[in-house]
Amino acid sequence: MTNTNTKELGDLEESRAASYLEELGYEILERNWRWSNKGEIDIIAIDPNRFGKTYIVFIEVKFREWSVEMAIRAVNQKKISQLKKLAQIYLMQRKLSLHKTHFSFDVVAISGTRLEHIKDIVK
């Protein structure tokens, strides 16, 4: 698979994840939000009713041909650490308090027709 095909497939799967989240009532704020060359957050959304409150959710979308489990495992500790740092930068840029803003981290793992949404991957 070439890089162009990989990018196109990634974009397609991210669109699929965004549609799924919108069906759940999430409001998509950003897709492919980048900060400098430090990394990217696939989807940033508002979940209007997480734990009875409104949360900003930072979502990593992972696709693997072979299995959803492999996609989930691809979100390793290094990726989670990067996601947390990028989320802090995003919140600070928007002048949102890290202590007063409700935020969470999710993974949407996709393989074939199967999609699995894991909420609150960081405790």
PDB file of N, CA and C in Angstrom:
ATOM      1  N   MET A   1       0.847  -1.167   0.000  1.00  0.00           N
ATOM      2  CA  MET A   1       0.000   0.000   0.000  1.00  0.00           C
ATOM      3  C   MET A   1       0.899   1.239   0.000  1.00  0.00           C
ATOM      4  N   THR A   2       0.616   2.197  -0.857  1.00  0.00           N
ATOM      5  CA  THR A   2       1.435   3.406  -0.908  1.00  0.00           C
ATOM      6  C   THR A   2       0.989   4.388   0.158  1.00  0.00           C
ATOM      7  N   ASN A   3       1.832   5.395   0.397  1.00  0.00           N
ATOM      8  CA  ASN A   3       1.489   6.414   1.393  1.00  0.00           C
ATOM      9  C   ASN A   3       0.207   7.130   1.045  1.00  0.00           C
ATOM     10  N   THR A   4      -0.020   7.404  -0.258  1.00  0.00           N
ATOM     11  CA  THR A   4      -1.250   8.079  -0.666  1.00  0.00           C
ATOM     12  C   THR A   4      -2.455   7.224  -0.309  1.00  0.00           C
ATOM     13  N   ASN A   5      -2.391   5.933  -0.606  1.00  0.00           N
ATOM     14  CA  ASN A   5      -3.506   5.051  -0.272  1.00  0.00           C
ATOM     15  C   ASN A   5      -3.697   4.943   1.235  1.00  0.00           C
ATOM     16  N   THR A   6      -2.599   4.910   1.985  1.00  0.00           N
ATOM     17  CA  THR A   6      -2.673   4.852   3.439  1.00  0.00           C
ATOM     18  C   THR A   6      -3.332   6.113   3.975  1.00  0.00           C
ATOM     19  N   LYS A   7      -2.932   7.276   3.455  1.00  0.00           N
ATOM     20  CA  LYS A   7      -3.519   8.558   3.877  1.00  0.00           C
ATOM     21  C   LYS A   7      -5.003   8.593   3.538  1.00  0.00           C
ATOM     22  N   GLU A   8      -5.350   8.182   2.338  1.00  0.00           N
ATOM     23  CA  GLU A   8      -6.763   8.179   1.927  1.00  0.00           C
ATOM     24  C   GLU A   8      -7.582   7.235   2.809  1.00  0.00           C
ATOM     25  N   LEU A   9      -7.040   6.069   3.103  1.00  0.00           N
ATOM     26  CA  LEU A   9      -7.731   5.109   3.967  1.00  0.00           C
ATOM     27  C   LEU A   9      -7.885   5.683   5.376  1.00  0.00           C
ATOM     28  N   GLY A  10      -6.817   6.307   5.884  1.00  0.00           N
ATOM     29  CA  GLY A  10      -6.880   6.937   7.199  1.00  0.00           C
ATOM     30  C   GLY A  10      -7.947   8.016   7.257  1.00  0.00           C
ATOM     31  N   ASP A  11      -8.004   8.858   6.218  1.00  0.00           N
ATOM     32  CA  ASP A  11      -9.023   9.911   6.155  1.00  0.00           C
ATOM     33  C   ASP A  11     -10.425   9.315   6.116  1.00  0.00           C
ATOM     34  N   LEU A  12     -10.581   8.251   5.351  1.00  0.00           N
ATOM     35  CA  LEU A  12     -11.884   7.586   5.241  1.00  0.00           C
ATOM     36  C   LEU A  12     -12.318   7.017   6.592  1.00  0.00           C
ATOM     37  N   GLU A  13     -11.418   6.360   7.290  1.00  0.00           N
ATOM     38  CA  GLU A  13     -11.745   5.762   8.580  1.00  0.00           C
ATOM     39  C   GLU A  13     -11.991   6.833   9.642  1.00  0.00           C
ATOM     40  N   GLU A  14     -11.251   7.932   9.584  1.00  0.00           N
ATOM     41  CA  GLU A  14     -11.507   9.042  10.510  1.00  0.00           C
ATOM     42  C   GLU A  14     -12.878   9.660  10.251  1.00  0.00           C
ATOM     43  N   SER A  15     -13.267   9.754   8.992  1.00  0.00           N
ATOM     44  CA  SER A  15     -14.607  10.263   8.662  1.00  0.00           C
ATOM     45  C   SER A  15     -15.680   9.317   9.189  1.00  0.00           C
ATOM     46  N   ARG A  16     -15.418   8.035   9.073  1.00  0.00           N
ATOM     47  CA  ARG A  16     -16.345   7.028   9.604  1.00  0.00           C
ATOM     48  C   ARG A  16     -16.481   7.176  11.122  1.00  0.00           C
ATOM     49  N   ALA A  17     -15.357   7.366  11.798  1.00  0.00           N
ATOM     50  CA  ALA A  17     -15.369   7.553  13.253  1.00  0.00           C
ATOM     51  C   ALA A  17     -16.123   8.827  13.621  1.00  0.00           C
ATOM     52  N   ALA A  18     -15.888   9.911  12.884  1.00  0.00           N
ATOM     53  CA  ALA A  18     -16.566  11.183  13.161  1.00  0.00           C
ATOM     54  C   ALA A  18     -18.073  11.039  12.974  1.00  0.00           C
ATOM     55  N   SER A  19     -18.496  10.358  11.939  1.00  0.00           N
ATOM     56  CA  SER A  19     -19.932  10.131  11.714  1.00  0.00           C
ATOM     57  C   SER A  19     -20.546   9.325  12.849  1.00  0.00           C
ATOM     58  N   TYR A  20     -19.843   8.306  13.270  1.00  0.00           N
ATOM     59  CA  TYR A  20     -20.300   7.476  14.394  1.00  0.00           C
ATOM     60  C   TYR A  20     -20.484   8.340  15.648  1.00  0.00           C
ATOM     61  N   LEU A  21     -19.484   9.178  15.944  1.00  0.00           N
ATOM     62  CA  LEU A  21     -19.552  10.029  17.128  1.00  0.00           C
ATOM     63  C   LEU A  21     -20.700  11.030  17.033  1.00  0.00           C
ATOM     64  N   GLU A  22     -20.899  11.594  15.850  1.00  0.00           N
ATOM     65  CA  GLU A  22     -22.016  12.531  15.659  1.00  0.00           C
ATOM     66  C   GLU A  22     -23.357  11.838  15.891  1.00  0.00           C
ATOM     67  N   GLU A  23     -23.464  10.588  15.465  1.00  0.00           N
ATOM     68  CA  GLU A  23     -24.696   9.830  15.712  1.00  0.00           C
ATOM     69  C   GLU A  23     -24.952   9.650  17.203  1.00  0.00           C
ATOM     70  N   LEU A  24     -23.875   9.616  17.994  1.00  0.00           N
ATOM     71  CA  LEU A  24     -24.001   9.499  19.448  1.00  0.00           C
ATOM     72  C   LEU A  24     -24.323  10.840  20.114  1.00  0.00           C
ATOM     73  N   GLY A  25     -24.309  11.923  19.325  1.00  0.00           N
ATOM     74  CA  GLY A  25     -24.612  13.244  19.864  1.00  0.00           C
ATOM     75  C   GLY A  25     -23.392  14.109  20.124  1.00  0.00           C
ATOM     76  N   TYR A  26     -22.203  13.637  19.755  1.00  0.00           N
ATOM     77  CA  TYR A  26     -20.998  14.439  19.914  1.00  0.00           C
ATOM     78  C   TYR A  26     -21.002  15.574  18.889  1.00  0.00           C
ATOM     79  N   GLU A  27     -20.410  16.698  19.269  1.00  0.00           N
ATOM     80  CA  GLU A  27     -20.205  17.810  18.346  1.00  0.00           C
ATOM     81  C   GLU A  27     -18.719  17.839  18.003  1.00  0.00           C
ATOM     82  N   ILE A  28     -18.405  17.662  16.730  1.00  0.00           N
ATOM     83  CA  ILE A  28     -17.008  17.644  16.300  1.00  0.00           C
ATOM     84  C   ILE A  28     -16.500  19.089  16.240  1.00  0.00           C
ATOM     85  N   LEU A  29     -15.456  19.365  17.003  1.00  0.00           N
ATOM     86  CA  LEU A  29     -14.859  20.703  17.007  1.00  0.00           C
ATOM     87  C   LEU A  29     -13.704  20.806  16.022  1.00  0.00           C
ATOM     88  N   GLU A  30     -12.889  19.763  15.978  1.00  0.00           N
ATOM     89  CA  GLU A  30     -11.682  19.763  15.138  1.00  0.00           C
ATOM     90  C   GLU A  30     -11.434  18.360  14.610  1.00  0.00           C
ATOM     91  N   ARG A  31     -10.847  18.333  13.424  1.00  0.00           N
ATOM     92  CA  ARG A  31     -10.327  17.067  12.885  1.00  0.00           C
ATOM     93  C   ARG A  31      -8.894  17.311  12.465  1.00  0.00           C
ATOM     94  N   ASN A  32      -8.045  16.379  12.811  1.00  0.00           N
ATOM     95  CA  ASN A  32      -6.622  16.464  12.460  1.00  0.00           C
ATOM     96  C   ASN A  32      -5.993  17.764  12.953  1.00  0.00           C
ATOM     97  N   TRP A  33      -6.243  18.077  14.237  1.00  0.00           N
ATOM     98  CA  TRP A  33      -5.661  19.275  14.831  1.00  0.00           C
ATOM     99  C   TRP A  33      -4.180  19.041  15.067  1.00  0.00           C
ATOM    100  N   ARG A  34      -3.366  19.934  14.527  1.00  0.00           N
ATOM    101  CA  ARG A  34      -1.910  19.806  14.635  1.00  0.00           C
ATOM    102  C   ARG A  34      -1.337  20.959  15.438  1.00  0.00           C
ATOM    103  N   TRP A  35      -0.281  20.663  16.162  1.00  0.00           N
ATOM    104  CA  TRP A  35       0.485  21.711  16.815  1.00  0.00           C
ATOM    105  C   TRP A  35       1.925  21.549  16.383  1.00  0.00           C
ATOM    106  N   SER A  36       2.379  22.536  15.597  1.00  0.00           N
ATOM    107  CA  SER A  36       3.748  22.538  15.109  1.00  0.00           C
ATOM    108  C   SER A  36       4.062  21.165  14.508  1.00  0.00           C
ATOM    109  N   ASN A  37       5.220  20.651  14.798  1.00  0.00           N
ATOM    110  CA  ASN A  37       5.567  19.312  14.315  1.00  0.00           C
ATOM    111  C   ASN A  37       5.507  18.307  15.466  1.00  0.00           C
ATOM    112  N   LYS A  38       4.808  18.680  16.538  1.00  0.00           N
ATOM    113  CA  LYS A  38       4.757  17.846  17.742  1.00  0.00           C
ATOM    114  C   LYS A  38       3.713  16.745  17.677  1.00  0.00           C
ATOM    115  N   GLY A  39       2.804  16.827  16.731  1.00  0.00           N
ATOM    116  CA  GLY A  39       1.822  15.762  16.620  1.00  0.00           C
ATOM    117  C   GLY A  39       0.441  16.252  16.257  1.00  0.00           C
ATOM    118  N   GLU A  40      -0.476  15.321  16.285  1.00  0.00           N
ATOM    119  CA  GLU A  40      -1.829  15.577  15.811  1.00  0.00           C
ATOM    120  C   GLU A  40      -2.830  14.843  16.687  1.00  0.00           C
ATOM    121  N   ILE A  41      -3.970  15.485  16.882  1.00  0.00           N
ATOM    122  CA  ILE A  41      -5.105  14.828  17.516  1.00  0.00           C
ATOM    123  C   ILE A  41      -6.122  14.587  16.414  1.00  0.00           C
ATOM    124  N   ASP A  42      -6.547  13.336  16.255  1.00  0.00           N
ATOM    125  CA  ASP A  42      -7.425  12.983  15.146  1.00  0.00           C
ATOM    126  C   ASP A  42      -8.767  13.713  15.212  1.00  0.00           C
ATOM    127  N   ILE A  43      -9.423  13.638  16.357  1.00  0.00           N
ATOM    128  CA  ILE A  43     -10.731  14.279  16.511  1.00  0.00           C
ATOM    129  C   ILE A  43     -10.808  14.917  17.896  1.00  0.00           C
ATOM    130  N   ILE A  44     -11.303  16.144  17.924  1.00  0.00           N
ATOM    131  CA  ILE A  44     -11.617  16.814  19.183  1.00  0.00           C
ATOM    132  C   ILE A  44     -13.106  17.115  19.123  1.00  0.00           C
ATOM    133  N   ALA A  45     -13.820  16.666  20.152  1.00  0.00           N
ATOM    134  CA  ALA A  45     -15.281  16.778  20.118  1.00  0.00           C
ATOM    135  C   ALA A  45     -15.823  17.139  21.498  1.00  0.00           C
ATOM    136  N   ILE A  46     -17.068  17.527  21.502  1.00  0.00           N
ATOM    137  CA  ILE A  46     -17.778  17.745  22.757  1.00  0.00           C
ATOM    138  C   ILE A  46     -18.766  16.605  22.934  1.00  0.00           C
ATOM    139  N   ASP A  47     -18.673  15.951  24.077  1.00  0.00           N
ATOM    140  CA  ASP A  47     -19.664  14.960  24.488  1.00  0.00           C
ATOM    141  C   ASP A  47     -20.568  15.690  25.479  1.00  0.00           C
ATOM    142  N   PRO A  48     -21.816  15.939  25.106  1.00  0.00           N
ATOM    143  CA  PRO A  48     -22.682  16.761  25.951  1.00  0.00           C
ATOM    144  C   PRO A  48     -23.152  16.079  27.226  1.00  0.00           C
ATOM    145  N   ASN A  49     -22.896  14.771  27.358  1.00  0.00           N
ATOM    146  CA  ASN A  49     -23.418  14.093  28.542  1.00  0.00           C
ATOM    147  C   ASN A  49     -22.514  12.939  28.982  1.00  0.00           C
ATOM    148  N   ARG A  50     -21.310  13.284  29.370  1.00  0.00           N
ATOM    149  CA  ARG A  50     -20.392  12.276  29.914  1.00  0.00           C
ATOM    150  C   ARG A  50     -20.370  12.482  31.423  1.00  0.00           C
ATOM    151  N   PHE A  51     -20.693  11.460  32.148  1.00  0.00           N
ATOM    152  CA  PHE A  51     -20.773  11.564  33.610  1.00  0.00           C
ATOM    153  C   PHE A  51     -21.734  12.681  34.023  1.00  0.00           C
ATOM    154  N   GLY A  52     -22.756  12.940  33.194  1.00  0.00           N
ATOM    155  CA  GLY A  52     -23.739  13.963  33.511  1.00  0.00           C
ATOM    156  C   GLY A  52     -23.269  15.385  33.267  1.00  0.00           C
ATOM    157  N   LYS A  53     -22.121  15.545  32.596  1.00  0.00           N
ATOM    158  CA  LYS A  53     -21.568  16.875  32.329  1.00  0.00           C
ATOM    159  C   LYS A  53     -21.133  16.958  30.876  1.00  0.00           C
ATOM    160  N   THR A  54     -20.788  18.186  30.458  1.00  0.00           N
ATOM    161  CA  THR A  54     -20.247  18.395  29.119  1.00  0.00           C
ATOM    162  C   THR A  54     -18.727  18.248  29.173  1.00  0.00           C
ATOM    163  N   TYR A  55     -18.203  17.397  28.313  1.00  0.00           N
ATOM    164  CA  TYR A  55     -16.763  17.129  28.261  1.00  0.00           C
ATOM    165  C   TYR A  55     -16.201  17.435  26.880  1.00  0.00           C
ATOM    166  N   ILE A  56     -14.974  17.948  26.853  1.00  0.00           N
ATOM    167  CA  ILE A  56     -14.197  17.973  25.615  1.00  0.00           C
ATOM    168  C   ILE A  56     -13.483  16.626  25.561  1.00  0.00           C
ATOM    169  N   VAL A  57     -13.599  15.944  24.427  1.00  0.00           N
ATOM    170  CA  VAL A  57     -13.011  14.612  24.300  1.00  0.00           C
ATOM    171  C   VAL A  57     -11.971  14.634  23.179  1.00  0.00           C
ATOM    172  N   PHE A  58     -10.787  14.156  23.503  1.00  0.00           N
ATOM    173  CA  PHE A  58      -9.686  14.048  22.551  1.00  0.00           C
ATOM    174  C   PHE A  58      -9.643  12.591  22.105  1.00  0.00           C
ATOM    175  N   ILE A  59      -9.810  12.382  20.794  1.00  0.00           N
ATOM    176  CA  ILE A  59     -10.053  11.030  20.294  1.00  0.00           C
ATOM    177  C   ILE A  59      -8.966  10.609  19.312  1.00  0.00           C
ATOM    178  N   GLU A  60      -8.384   9.468  19.593  1.00  0.00           N
ATOM    179  CA  GLU A  60      -7.419   8.839  18.699  1.00  0.00           C
ATOM    180  C   GLU A  60      -8.170   7.788  17.890  1.00  0.00           C
ATOM    181  N   VAL A  61      -8.060   7.870  16.570  1.00  0.00           N
ATOM    182  CA  VAL A  61      -8.691   6.891  15.685  1.00  0.00           C
ATOM    183  C   VAL A  61      -7.590   5.975  15.167  1.00  0.00           C
ATOM    184  N   LYS A  62      -7.795   4.670  15.331  1.00  0.00           N
ATOM    185  CA  LYS A  62      -6.815   3.695  14.851  1.00  0.00           C
ATOM    186  C   LYS A  62      -7.514   2.663  13.985  1.00  0.00           C
ATOM    187  N   PHE A  63      -6.923   2.399  12.845  1.00  0.00           N
ATOM    188  CA  PHE A  63      -7.425   1.380  11.926  1.00  0.00           C
ATOM    189  C   PHE A  63      -6.342   0.326  11.738  1.00  0.00           C
ATOM    190  N   ARG A  64      -6.747  -0.920  11.790  1.00  0.00           N
ATOM    191  CA  ARG A  64      -5.864  -2.035  11.454  1.00  0.00           C
ATOM    192  C   ARG A  64      -6.673  -3.021  10.638  1.00  0.00           C
ATOM    193  N   GLU A  65      -6.077  -3.498   9.566  1.00  0.00           N
ATOM    194  CA  GLU A  65      -6.779  -4.433   8.683  1.00  0.00           C
ATOM    195  C   GLU A  65      -7.199  -5.705   9.394  1.00  0.00           C
ATOM    196  N   TRP A  66      -6.335  -6.197  10.284  1.00  0.00           N
ATOM    197  CA  TRP A  66      -6.516  -7.541  10.798  1.00  0.00           C
ATOM    198  C   TRP A  66      -7.480  -7.652  11.957  1.00  0.00           C
ATOM    199  N   SER A  67      -7.450  -6.654  12.877  1.00  0.00           N
ATOM    200  CA  SER A  67      -8.350  -6.782  14.018  1.00  0.00           C
ATOM    201  C   SER A  67      -8.477  -5.470  14.785  1.00  0.00           C
ATOM    202  N   VAL A  68      -9.610  -5.312  15.428  1.00  0.00           N
ATOM    203  CA  VAL A  68      -9.834  -4.162  16.300  1.00  0.00           C
ATOM    204  C   VAL A  68      -8.855  -4.218  17.472  1.00  0.00           C
ATOM    205  N   GLU A  69      -8.582  -5.411  17.960  1.00  0.00           N
ATOM    206  CA  GLU A  69      -7.665  -5.565  19.087  1.00  0.00           C
ATOM    207  C   GLU A  69      -6.283  -5.019  18.747  1.00  0.00           C
ATOM    208  N   MET A  70      -5.805  -5.265  17.522  1.00  0.00           N
ATOM    209  CA  MET A  70      -4.508  -4.728  17.093  1.00  0.00           C
ATOM    210  C   MET A  70      -4.563  -3.206  17.015  1.00  0.00           C
ATOM    211  N   ALA A  71      -5.694  -2.671  16.598  1.00  0.00           N
ATOM    212  CA  ALA A  71      -5.856  -1.217  16.542  1.00  0.00           C
ATOM    213  C   ALA A  71      -5.799  -0.623  17.945  1.00  0.00           C
ATOM    214  N   ILE A  72      -6.460  -1.267  18.890  1.00  0.00           N
ATOM    215  CA  ILE A  72      -6.456  -0.795  20.273  1.00  0.00           C
ATOM    216  C   ILE A  72      -5.038  -0.840  20.845  1.00  0.00           C
ATOM    217  N   ARG A  73      -4.334  -1.944  20.596  1.00  0.00           N
ATOM    218  CA  ARG A  73      -2.958  -2.086  21.109  1.00  0.00           C
ATOM    219  C   ARG A  73      -2.010  -1.051  20.517  1.00  0.00           C
ATOM    220  N   ALA A  74      -2.345  -0.518  19.349  1.00  0.00           N
ATOM    221  CA  ALA A  74      -1.493   0.491  18.712  1.00  0.00           C
ATOM    222  C   ALA A  74      -1.495   1.818  19.476  1.00  0.00           C
ATOM    223  N   VAL A  75      -2.464   1.996  20.344  1.00  0.00           N
ATOM    224  CA  VAL A  75      -2.496   3.192  21.192  1.00  0.00           C
ATOM    225  C   VAL A  75      -1.716   2.870  22.467  1.00  0.00           C
ATOM    226  N   ASN A  76      -0.402   2.970  22.335  1.00  0.00           N
ATOM    227  CA  ASN A  76       0.497   2.597  23.426  1.00  0.00           C
ATOM    228  C   ASN A  76       0.732   3.778  24.372  1.00  0.00           C
ATOM    229  N   GLN A  77       1.538   3.552  25.386  1.00  0.00           N
ATOM    230  CA  GLN A  77       1.792   4.579  26.401  1.00  0.00           C
ATOM    231  C   GLN A  77       2.426   5.828  25.806  1.00  0.00           C
ATOM    232  N   LYS A  78       3.305   5.651  24.834  1.00  0.00           N
ATOM    233  CA  LYS A  78       3.942   6.798  24.169  1.00  0.00           C
ATOM    234  C   LYS A  78       2.884   7.650  23.456  1.00  0.00           C
ATOM    235  N   LYS A  79       1.962   7.013  22.766  1.00  0.00           N
ATOM    236  CA  LYS A  79       0.898   7.738  22.058  1.00  0.00           C
ATOM    237  C   LYS A  79      -0.015   8.448  23.053  1.00  0.00           C
ATOM    238  N   ILE A  80      -0.335   7.788  24.146  1.00  0.00           N
ATOM    239  CA  ILE A  80      -1.198   8.398  25.167  1.00  0.00           C
ATOM    240  C   ILE A  80      -0.511   9.624  25.768  1.00  0.00           C
ATOM    241  N   SER A  81       0.768   9.523  26.047  1.00  0.00           N
ATOM    242  CA  SER A  81       1.526  10.644  26.599  1.00  0.00           C
ATOM    243  C   SER A  81       1.523  11.827  25.634  1.00  0.00           C
ATOM    244  N   GLN A  82       1.727  11.552  24.357  1.00  0.00           N
ATOM    245  CA  GLN A  82       1.703  12.603  23.333  1.00  0.00           C
ATOM    246  C   GLN A  82       0.312  13.238  23.259  1.00  0.00           C
ATOM    247  N   LEU A  83      -0.713  12.430  23.308  1.00  0.00           N
ATOM    248  CA  LEU A  83      -2.089  12.918  23.249  1.00  0.00           C
ATOM    249  C   LEU A  83      -2.382  13.849  24.433  1.00  0.00           C
ATOM    250  N   LYS A  84      -1.918  13.478  25.615  1.00  0.00           N
ATOM    251  CA  LYS A  84      -2.123  14.297  26.809  1.00  0.00           C
ATOM    252  C   LYS A  84      -1.424  15.655  26.675  1.00  0.00           C
ATOM    253  N   LYS A  85      -0.192  15.651  26.179  1.00  0.00           N
ATOM    254  CA  LYS A  85       0.542  16.911  25.993  1.00  0.00           C
ATOM    255  C   LYS A  85      -0.153  17.807  24.969  1.00  0.00           C
ATOM    256  N   LEU A  86      -0.585  17.221  23.872  1.00  0.00           N
ATOM    257  CA  LEU A  86      -1.270  18.007  22.842  1.00  0.00           C
ATOM    258  C   LEU A  86      -2.596  18.564  23.356  1.00  0.00           C
ATOM    259  N   ALA A  87      -3.303  17.777  24.161  1.00  0.00           N
ATOM    260  CA  ALA A  87      -4.575  18.235  24.729  1.00  0.00           C
ATOM    261  C   ALA A  87      -4.347  19.439  25.640  1.00  0.00           C
ATOM    262  N   GLN A  88      -3.292  19.394  26.439  1.00  0.00           N
ATOM    263  CA  GLN A  88      -2.985  20.524  27.309  1.00  0.00           C
ATOM    264  C   GLN A  88      -2.717  21.785  26.495  1.00  0.00           C
ATOM    265  N   ILE A  89      -1.971  21.642  25.419  1.00  0.00           N
ATOM    266  CA  ILE A  89      -1.674  22.788  24.552  1.00  0.00           C
ATOM    267  C   ILE A  89      -2.966  23.317  23.935  1.00  0.00           C
ATOM    268  N   TYR A  90      -3.805  22.418  23.456  1.00  0.00           N
ATOM    269  CA  TYR A  90      -5.087  22.821  22.857  1.00  0.00           C
ATOM    270  C   TYR A  90      -5.914  23.616  23.860  1.00  0.00           C
ATOM    271  N   LEU A  91      -6.032  23.120  25.073  1.00  0.00           N
ATOM    272  CA  LEU A  91      -6.833  23.799  26.101  1.00  0.00           C
ATOM    273  C   LEU A  91      -6.229  25.158  26.458  1.00  0.00           C
ATOM    274  N   MET A  92      -4.914  25.227  26.596  1.00  0.00           N
ATOM    275  CA  MET A  92      -4.261  26.493  26.936  1.00  0.00           C
ATOM    276  C   MET A  92      -4.427  27.519  25.817  1.00  0.00           C
ATOM    277  N   GLN A  93      -4.317  27.071  24.558  1.00  0.00           N
ATOM    278  CA  GLN A  93      -4.492  27.982  23.427  1.00  0.00           C
ATOM    279  C   GLN A  93      -5.891  28.593  23.414  1.00  0.00           C
ATOM    280  N   ARG A  94      -6.840  27.845  23.900  1.00  0.00           N
ATOM    281  CA  ARG A  94      -8.227  28.323  23.921  1.00  0.00           C
ATOM    282  C   ARG A  94      -8.598  28.949  25.269  1.00  0.00           C
ATOM    283  N   LYS A  95      -7.564  29.144  26.089  1.00  0.00           N
ATOM    284  CA  LYS A  95      -7.722  29.777  27.400  1.00  0.00           C
ATOM    285  C   LYS A  95      -8.749  29.059  28.277  1.00  0.00           C
ATOM    286  N   LEU A  96      -8.700  27.733  28.214  1.00  0.00           N
ATOM    287  CA  LEU A  96      -9.560  26.891  29.046  1.00  0.00           C
ATOM    288  C   LEU A  96      -8.720  26.341  30.191  1.00  0.00           C
ATOM    289  N   SER A  97      -9.230  26.421  31.376  1.00  0.00           N
ATOM    290  CA  SER A  97      -8.506  25.966  32.556  1.00  0.00           C
ATOM    291  C   SER A  97      -8.348  24.446  32.554  1.00  0.00           C
ATOM    292  N   LEU A  98      -7.135  24.002  32.822  1.00  0.00           N
ATOM    293  CA  LEU A  98      -6.889  22.563  32.926  1.00  0.00           C
ATOM    294  C   LEU A  98      -7.592  21.975  34.146  1.00  0.00           C
ATOM    295  N   HIS A  99      -7.858  22.806  35.129  1.00  0.00           N
ATOM    296  CA  HIS A  99      -8.466  22.336  36.371  1.00  0.00           C
ATOM    297  C   HIS A  99      -9.989  22.470  36.389  1.00  0.00           C
ATOM    298  N   LYS A 100     -10.532  23.367  35.577  1.00  0.00           N
ATOM    299  CA  LYS A 100     -11.977  23.592  35.591  1.00  0.00           C
ATOM    300  C   LYS A 100     -12.687  23.003  34.377  1.00  0.00           C
ATOM    301  N   THR A 101     -11.936  22.652  33.344  1.00  0.00           N
ATOM    302  CA  THR A 101     -12.522  22.097  32.130  1.00  0.00           C
ATOM    303  C   THR A 101     -12.590  20.584  32.246  1.00  0.00           C
ATOM    304  N   HIS A 102     -13.729  20.028  31.948  1.00  0.00           N
ATOM    305  CA  HIS A 102     -13.883  18.574  31.939  1.00  0.00           C
ATOM    306  C   HIS A 102     -13.391  18.060  30.582  1.00  0.00           C
ATOM    307  N   PHE A 103     -12.396  17.174  30.625  1.00  0.00           N
ATOM    308  CA  PHE A 103     -11.920  16.594  29.371  1.00  0.00           C
ATOM    309  C   PHE A 103     -11.555  15.137  29.582  1.00  0.00           C
ATOM    310  N   SER A 104     -11.540  14.414  28.478  1.00  0.00           N
ATOM    311  CA  SER A 104     -11.338  12.978  28.522  1.00  0.00           C
ATOM    312  C   SER A 104     -10.658  12.533  27.236  1.00  0.00           C
ATOM    313  N   PHE A 105     -10.174  11.285  27.239  1.00  0.00           N
ATOM    314  CA  PHE A 105      -9.474  10.729  26.078  1.00  0.00           C
ATOM    315  C   PHE A 105     -10.127   9.410  25.684  1.00  0.00           C
ATOM    316  N   ASP A 106     -10.427   9.279  24.395  1.00  0.00           N
ATOM    317  CA  ASP A 106     -11.065   8.073  23.876  1.00  0.00           C
ATOM    318  C   ASP A 106     -10.250   7.512  22.714  1.00  0.00           C
ATOM    319  N   VAL A 107     -10.540   6.260  22.410  1.00  0.00           N
ATOM    320  CA  VAL A 107     -10.012   5.617  21.204  1.00  0.00           C
ATOM    321  C   VAL A 107     -11.198   5.079  20.414  1.00  0.00           C
ATOM    322  N   VAL A 108     -11.171   5.305  19.114  1.00  0.00           N
ATOM    323  CA  VAL A 108     -12.095   4.626  18.220  1.00  0.00           C
ATOM    324  C   VAL A 108     -11.227   3.707  17.370  1.00  0.00           C
ATOM    325  N   ALA A 109     -11.404   2.408  17.577  1.00  0.00           N
ATOM    326  CA  ALA A 109     -10.624   1.394  16.865  1.00  0.00           C
ATOM    327  C   ALA A 109     -11.501   0.775  15.789  1.00  0.00           C
ATOM    328  N   ILE A 110     -10.922   0.647  14.592  1.00  0.00           N
ATOM    329  CA  ILE A 110     -11.695   0.179  13.447  1.00  0.00           C
ATOM    330  C   ILE A 110     -10.932  -0.931  12.722  1.00  0.00           C
ATOM    331  N   SER A 111     -11.686  -1.956  12.333  1.00  0.00           N
ATOM    332  CA  SER A 111     -11.155  -3.017  11.486  1.00  0.00           C
ATOM    333  C   SER A 111     -12.306  -3.544  10.648  1.00  0.00           C
ATOM    334  N   GLY A 112     -12.180  -3.408   9.337  1.00  0.00           N
ATOM    335  CA  GLY A 112     -13.267  -3.851   8.462  1.00  0.00           C
ATOM    336  C   GLY A 112     -14.555  -3.135   8.804  1.00  0.00           C
ATOM    337  N   THR A 113     -15.607  -3.902   9.054  1.00  0.00           N
ATOM    338  CA  THR A 113     -16.894  -3.298   9.397  1.00  0.00           C
ATOM    339  C   THR A 113     -17.046  -3.087  10.897  1.00  0.00           C
ATOM    340  N   ARG A 114     -16.081  -3.550  11.665  1.00  0.00           N
ATOM    341  CA  ARG A 114     -16.162  -3.455  13.133  1.00  0.00           C
ATOM    342  C   ARG A 114     -15.559  -2.143  13.634  1.00  0.00           C
ATOM    343  N   LEU A 115     -16.276  -1.499  14.526  1.00  0.00           N
ATOM    344  CA  LEU A 115     -15.816  -0.266  15.144  1.00  0.00           C
ATOM    345  C   LEU A 115     -16.030  -0.397  16.646  1.00  0.00           C
ATOM    346  N   GLU A 116     -15.001  -0.101  17.420  1.00  0.00           N
ATOM    347  CA  GLU A 116     -15.120  -0.164  18.872  1.00  0.00           C
ATOM    348  C   GLU A 116     -14.696   1.173  19.461  1.00  0.00           C
ATOM    349  N   HIS A 117     -15.497   1.708  20.362  1.00  0.00           N
ATOM    350  CA  HIS A 117     -15.262   2.998  20.999  1.00  0.00           C
ATOM    351  C   HIS A 117     -14.919   2.751  22.464  1.00  0.00           C
ATOM    352  N   ILE A 118     -13.689   3.082  22.836  1.00  0.00           N
ATOM    353  CA  ILE A 118     -13.253   2.910  24.220  1.00  0.00           C
ATOM    354  C   ILE A 118     -13.147   4.303  24.837  1.00  0.00           C
ATOM    355  N   LYS A 119     -13.949   4.535  25.857  1.00  0.00           N
ATOM    356  CA  LYS A 119     -13.971   5.845  26.512  1.00  0.00           C
ATOM    357  C   LYS A 119     -12.992   5.871  27.673  1.00  0.00           C
ATOM    358  N   ASP A 120     -12.493   7.083  27.951  1.00  0.00           N
ATOM    359  CA  ASP A 120     -11.680   7.338  29.144  1.00  0.00           C
ATOM    360  C   ASP A 120     -10.471   6.425  29.238  1.00  0.00           C
ATOM    361  N   ILE A 121      -9.611   6.474  28.239  1.00  0.00           N
ATOM    362  CA  ILE A 121      -8.434   5.611  28.231  1.00  0.00           C
ATOM    363  C   ILE A 121      -7.373   6.070  29.218  1.00  0.00           C
ATOM    364  N   VAL A 122      -7.468   7.313  29.691  1.00  0.00           N
ATOM    365  CA  VAL A 122      -6.520   7.841  30.672  1.00  0.00           C
ATOM    366  C   VAL A 122      -7.271   8.068  31.959  1.00  0.00           C
ATOM    367  N   LYS A 123      -6.792   7.468  33.018  1.00  0.00           N
ATOM    368  CA  LYS A 123      -7.458   7.631  34.331  1.00  0.00           C
ATOM    369  C   LYS A 123      -6.658   8.563  35.201  1.00  0.00           C
TER     370      LYS A 123
END
